[in-house]
């Protein structure tokens, strides 16, 4: 995703800027859970993306699908328990 687009992106809930997930351990956990069909959106749908954005306070994650961020409240990614406490 281009930097100019990322600069405009904000969380639809908190209005915080969104950044690519920088923590390699968190990124790995998200990708692994998605590959195993164990990562879900708030609406219950299975996440199949391997790219993610996180809010500045590192509490909310959204996926990027085919280069487009899914920024709907129902498409907030539910982070696996083992990922909590890691810096995004």
N, C-alpha and C. Protein backbone atom coordinates (compact mmCIF):
# COMPACT_ATOMS: atom_id res chain seq x y z
N UNK A 1 0.84 -1.17 0.00
CA UNK A 1 0.00 0.00 0.00
C UNK A 1 0.89 1.24 0.00
N UNK A 2 0.53 2.22 -0.76
CA UNK A 2 1.35 3.43 -0.89
C UNK A 2 1.28 4.28 0.37
N UNK A 3 2.39 4.95 0.67
CA UNK A 3 2.49 5.79 1.87
C UNK A 3 1.44 6.90 1.88
N UNK A 4 1.18 7.50 0.74
CA UNK A 4 0.19 8.59 0.67
C UNK A 4 -1.18 8.11 1.13
N UNK A 5 -1.55 6.89 0.75
CA UNK A 5 -2.83 6.33 1.19
C UNK A 5 -2.80 6.04 2.68
N UNK A 6 -1.71 5.45 3.16
CA UNK A 6 -1.60 5.15 4.60
C UNK A 6 -1.72 6.39 5.45
N UNK A 7 -1.20 7.51 4.97
CA UNK A 7 -1.25 8.76 5.74
C UNK A 7 -2.69 9.24 5.95
N UNK A 8 -3.60 8.83 5.09
CA UNK A 8 -4.99 9.25 5.18
C UNK A 8 -5.87 8.31 6.00
N UNK A 9 -5.38 7.12 6.27
CA UNK A 9 -6.20 6.10 6.91
C UNK A 9 -6.34 6.31 8.41
N UNK A 10 -7.57 6.20 8.89
CA UNK A 10 -7.84 6.27 10.32
C UNK A 10 -8.83 5.17 10.69
N UNK A 11 -8.79 4.77 11.93
CA UNK A 11 -9.72 3.78 12.46
C UNK A 11 -11.13 4.38 12.45
N UNK A 12 -12.12 3.65 11.94
CA UNK A 12 -13.48 4.19 11.92
C UNK A 12 -14.10 4.33 13.32
N UNK A 13 -13.52 3.68 14.30
CA UNK A 13 -14.05 3.74 15.67
C UNK A 13 -13.38 4.85 16.47
N UNK A 14 -12.04 4.78 16.57
CA UNK A 14 -11.30 5.72 17.43
C UNK A 14 -10.78 6.95 16.68
N UNK A 15 -10.75 6.88 15.36
CA UNK A 15 -10.20 7.95 14.50
C UNK A 15 -8.68 8.09 14.64
N UNK A 16 -8.02 7.10 15.22
CA UNK A 16 -6.56 7.11 15.31
C UNK A 16 -5.97 6.70 13.96
N UNK A 17 -4.78 7.22 13.67
CA UNK A 17 -4.09 6.81 12.44
C UNK A 17 -3.77 5.34 12.50
N UNK A 18 -3.75 4.72 11.32
CA UNK A 18 -3.42 3.30 11.21
C UNK A 18 -2.03 3.14 10.62
N UNK A 19 -1.30 2.18 11.14
CA UNK A 19 0.06 1.91 10.72
C UNK A 19 0.20 0.43 10.39
N UNK A 20 1.14 0.06 9.50
CA UNK A 20 1.39 -1.36 9.28
C UNK A 20 1.87 -2.00 10.59
N UNK A 21 1.51 -3.26 10.81
CA UNK A 21 1.98 -3.97 12.00
C UNK A 21 3.50 -4.11 11.87
N UNK A 22 4.23 -3.54 12.83
CA UNK A 22 5.69 -3.54 12.77
C UNK A 22 6.32 -4.65 13.61
N UNK A 23 5.61 -5.14 14.61
CA UNK A 23 6.11 -6.20 15.48
C UNK A 23 6.09 -7.51 14.70
N UNK A 24 7.26 -8.06 14.42
CA UNK A 24 7.33 -9.27 13.59
C UNK A 24 6.68 -10.47 14.28
N UNK A 25 6.72 -10.52 15.61
CA UNK A 25 6.07 -11.64 16.32
C UNK A 25 4.56 -11.54 16.17
N UNK A 26 4.01 -10.36 16.35
CA UNK A 26 2.56 -10.17 16.18
C UNK A 26 2.15 -10.45 14.74
N UNK A 27 2.91 -9.94 13.79
CA UNK A 27 2.62 -10.17 12.38
C UNK A 27 2.62 -11.68 12.09
N UNK A 28 3.60 -12.38 12.62
CA UNK A 28 3.71 -13.82 12.43
C UNK A 28 2.51 -14.55 13.05
N UNK A 29 2.12 -14.16 14.26
CA UNK A 29 0.96 -14.79 14.91
C UNK A 29 -0.31 -14.56 14.11
N UNK A 30 -0.50 -13.34 13.61
CA UNK A 30 -1.68 -13.04 12.81
C UNK A 30 -1.69 -13.86 11.52
N UNK A 31 -0.57 -13.91 10.84
CA UNK A 31 -0.48 -14.66 9.59
C UNK A 31 -0.69 -16.15 9.82
N UNK A 32 -0.10 -16.69 10.87
CA UNK A 32 -0.24 -18.11 11.18
C UNK A 32 -1.70 -18.45 11.51
N UNK A 33 -2.33 -17.64 12.35
CA UNK A 33 -3.73 -17.87 12.71
C UNK A 33 -4.63 -17.79 11.47
N UNK A 34 -4.35 -16.83 10.58
CA UNK A 34 -5.14 -16.69 9.35
C UNK A 34 -4.95 -17.92 8.46
N UNK A 35 -3.72 -18.40 8.33
CA UNK A 35 -3.43 -19.57 7.49
C UNK A 35 -4.13 -20.81 8.02
N UNK A 36 -4.32 -20.88 9.33
CA UNK A 36 -4.97 -22.04 9.95
C UNK A 36 -6.48 -21.87 10.08
N UNK A 37 -7.01 -20.75 9.57
CA UNK A 37 -8.44 -20.50 9.65
C UNK A 37 -8.91 -20.19 11.06
N UNK A 38 -7.99 -19.67 11.90
CA UNK A 38 -8.31 -19.40 13.30
C UNK A 38 -8.26 -17.91 13.64
N UNK A 39 -8.35 -17.07 12.64
CA UNK A 39 -8.36 -15.62 12.84
C UNK A 39 -9.69 -15.11 12.30
N UNK A 40 -10.40 -14.31 13.11
CA UNK A 40 -11.75 -13.91 12.76
C UNK A 40 -11.94 -12.40 12.82
N UNK A 41 -12.89 -11.93 11.99
CA UNK A 41 -13.36 -10.56 12.07
C UNK A 41 -14.40 -10.48 13.18
N UNK A 42 -14.74 -9.27 13.60
CA UNK A 42 -15.75 -9.06 14.63
C UNK A 42 -17.10 -9.65 14.23
N UNK A 43 -17.38 -9.72 12.93
CA UNK A 43 -18.65 -10.28 12.47
C UNK A 43 -18.64 -11.80 12.37
N UNK A 44 -17.52 -12.44 12.75
CA UNK A 44 -17.43 -13.90 12.76
C UNK A 44 -16.84 -14.51 11.50
N UNK A 45 -16.66 -13.74 10.45
CA UNK A 45 -16.07 -14.25 9.21
C UNK A 45 -14.58 -14.56 9.43
N UNK A 46 -14.09 -15.59 8.76
CA UNK A 46 -12.69 -15.98 8.86
C UNK A 46 -11.83 -14.99 8.06
N UNK A 47 -10.72 -14.54 8.66
CA UNK A 47 -9.77 -13.65 8.01
C UNK A 47 -8.86 -14.48 7.11
N UNK A 48 -8.70 -14.07 5.87
CA UNK A 48 -7.81 -14.77 4.94
C UNK A 48 -6.67 -13.88 4.48
N UNK A 49 -6.60 -12.69 4.99
CA UNK A 49 -5.56 -11.73 4.61
C UNK A 49 -4.25 -12.05 5.34
N UNK A 50 -3.15 -11.57 4.79
CA UNK A 50 -1.85 -11.73 5.45
C UNK A 50 -1.19 -10.38 5.73
N UNK A 51 -1.92 -9.29 5.45
CA UNK A 51 -1.41 -7.94 5.71
C UNK A 51 -2.37 -7.26 6.68
N UNK A 52 -1.79 -6.47 7.62
CA UNK A 52 -2.61 -5.89 8.66
C UNK A 52 -2.17 -4.47 8.99
N UNK A 53 -3.12 -3.66 9.44
CA UNK A 53 -2.88 -2.31 9.95
C UNK A 53 -3.33 -2.28 11.40
N UNK A 54 -2.68 -1.46 12.21
CA UNK A 54 -3.01 -1.35 13.63
C UNK A 54 -3.11 0.12 14.01
N UNK A 55 -3.97 0.41 14.98
CA UNK A 55 -4.10 1.78 15.45
C UNK A 55 -2.84 2.20 16.20
N UNK A 56 -2.65 3.52 16.34
CA UNK A 56 -1.45 4.03 17.02
C UNK A 56 -1.32 3.53 18.45
N UNK A 57 -2.45 3.31 19.14
CA UNK A 57 -2.37 2.82 20.51
C UNK A 57 -2.29 1.29 20.57
N UNK A 58 -2.21 0.67 19.41
CA UNK A 58 -1.98 -0.77 19.27
C UNK A 58 -3.09 -1.63 19.86
N UNK A 59 -4.34 -1.16 19.77
CA UNK A 59 -5.45 -1.93 20.33
C UNK A 59 -6.40 -2.48 19.28
N UNK A 60 -6.37 -1.95 18.07
CA UNK A 60 -7.32 -2.37 17.04
C UNK A 60 -6.58 -2.71 15.76
N UNK A 61 -6.92 -3.86 15.17
CA UNK A 61 -6.25 -4.35 13.96
C UNK A 61 -7.28 -4.50 12.85
N UNK A 62 -6.87 -4.12 11.63
CA UNK A 62 -7.68 -4.29 10.43
C UNK A 62 -6.84 -5.00 9.39
N UNK A 63 -7.50 -5.74 8.50
CA UNK A 63 -6.77 -6.44 7.45
C UNK A 63 -6.72 -5.60 6.18
N UNK A 64 -5.76 -5.94 5.34
CA UNK A 64 -5.64 -5.34 4.02
C UNK A 64 -5.87 -6.47 3.03
N UNK A 65 -6.91 -6.35 2.21
CA UNK A 65 -7.29 -7.39 1.27
C UNK A 65 -7.11 -6.87 -0.16
N UNK A 66 -6.28 -7.55 -0.94
CA UNK A 66 -5.99 -7.14 -2.32
C UNK A 66 -5.57 -5.68 -2.39
N UNK A 67 -4.76 -5.25 -1.41
CA UNK A 67 -4.23 -3.90 -1.39
C UNK A 67 -5.16 -2.85 -0.80
N UNK A 68 -6.36 -3.25 -0.41
CA UNK A 68 -7.33 -2.29 0.13
C UNK A 68 -7.62 -2.61 1.60
N UNK A 69 -7.48 -1.63 2.47
CA UNK A 69 -7.78 -1.86 3.89
C UNK A 69 -9.28 -2.00 4.11
N UNK A 70 -9.67 -2.96 4.92
CA UNK A 70 -11.08 -3.16 5.28
C UNK A 70 -11.33 -2.42 6.57
N UNK A 71 -11.85 -1.21 6.48
CA UNK A 71 -12.00 -0.33 7.64
C UNK A 71 -13.46 -0.19 8.06
N UNK A 72 -14.08 -1.31 8.33
CA UNK A 72 -15.44 -1.31 8.85
C UNK A 72 -15.39 -1.88 10.26
N UNK A 73 -16.23 -1.37 11.13
CA UNK A 73 -16.22 -1.86 12.50
C UNK A 73 -16.42 -3.37 12.55
N UNK A 74 -17.26 -3.90 11.68
CA UNK A 74 -17.52 -5.34 11.66
C UNK A 74 -16.33 -6.14 11.13
N UNK A 75 -15.38 -5.47 10.50
CA UNK A 75 -14.21 -6.14 9.95
C UNK A 75 -12.95 -5.92 10.80
N UNK A 76 -13.15 -5.47 12.03
CA UNK A 76 -12.04 -5.38 12.98
C UNK A 76 -11.56 -6.81 13.23
N UNK A 77 -10.25 -7.02 13.21
CA UNK A 77 -9.68 -8.35 13.42
C UNK A 77 -9.61 -8.64 14.91
N UNK A 78 -10.13 -9.79 15.30
CA UNK A 78 -10.05 -10.21 16.70
C UNK A 78 -8.69 -10.87 16.91
N UNK A 79 -7.82 -10.20 17.63
CA UNK A 79 -6.44 -10.63 17.83
C UNK A 79 -6.41 -11.85 18.75
N UNK A 80 -5.67 -12.91 18.37
CA UNK A 80 -5.57 -14.10 19.23
C UNK A 80 -5.01 -13.75 20.61
N UNK A 81 -5.46 -14.47 21.63
CA UNK A 81 -5.04 -14.21 23.02
C UNK A 81 -3.54 -14.18 23.19
N UNK A 82 -2.82 -15.09 22.50
CA UNK A 82 -1.36 -15.17 22.68
C UNK A 82 -0.63 -13.95 22.12
N UNK A 83 -1.32 -13.14 21.31
CA UNK A 83 -0.71 -11.94 20.71
C UNK A 83 -0.86 -10.74 21.62
N UNK A 84 -1.79 -10.77 22.56
CA UNK A 84 -2.02 -9.62 23.43
C UNK A 84 -0.79 -9.33 24.27
N UNK A 85 -0.51 -8.06 24.43
CA UNK A 85 0.65 -7.65 25.21
C UNK A 85 1.88 -7.42 24.36
N UNK A 86 1.82 -7.78 23.08
CA UNK A 86 2.96 -7.54 22.19
C UNK A 86 2.81 -6.17 21.55
N UNK A 87 3.93 -5.54 21.32
CA UNK A 87 3.91 -4.26 20.62
C UNK A 87 3.57 -4.50 19.17
N UNK A 88 2.64 -3.74 18.65
CA UNK A 88 2.26 -3.87 17.25
C UNK A 88 3.18 -3.02 16.43
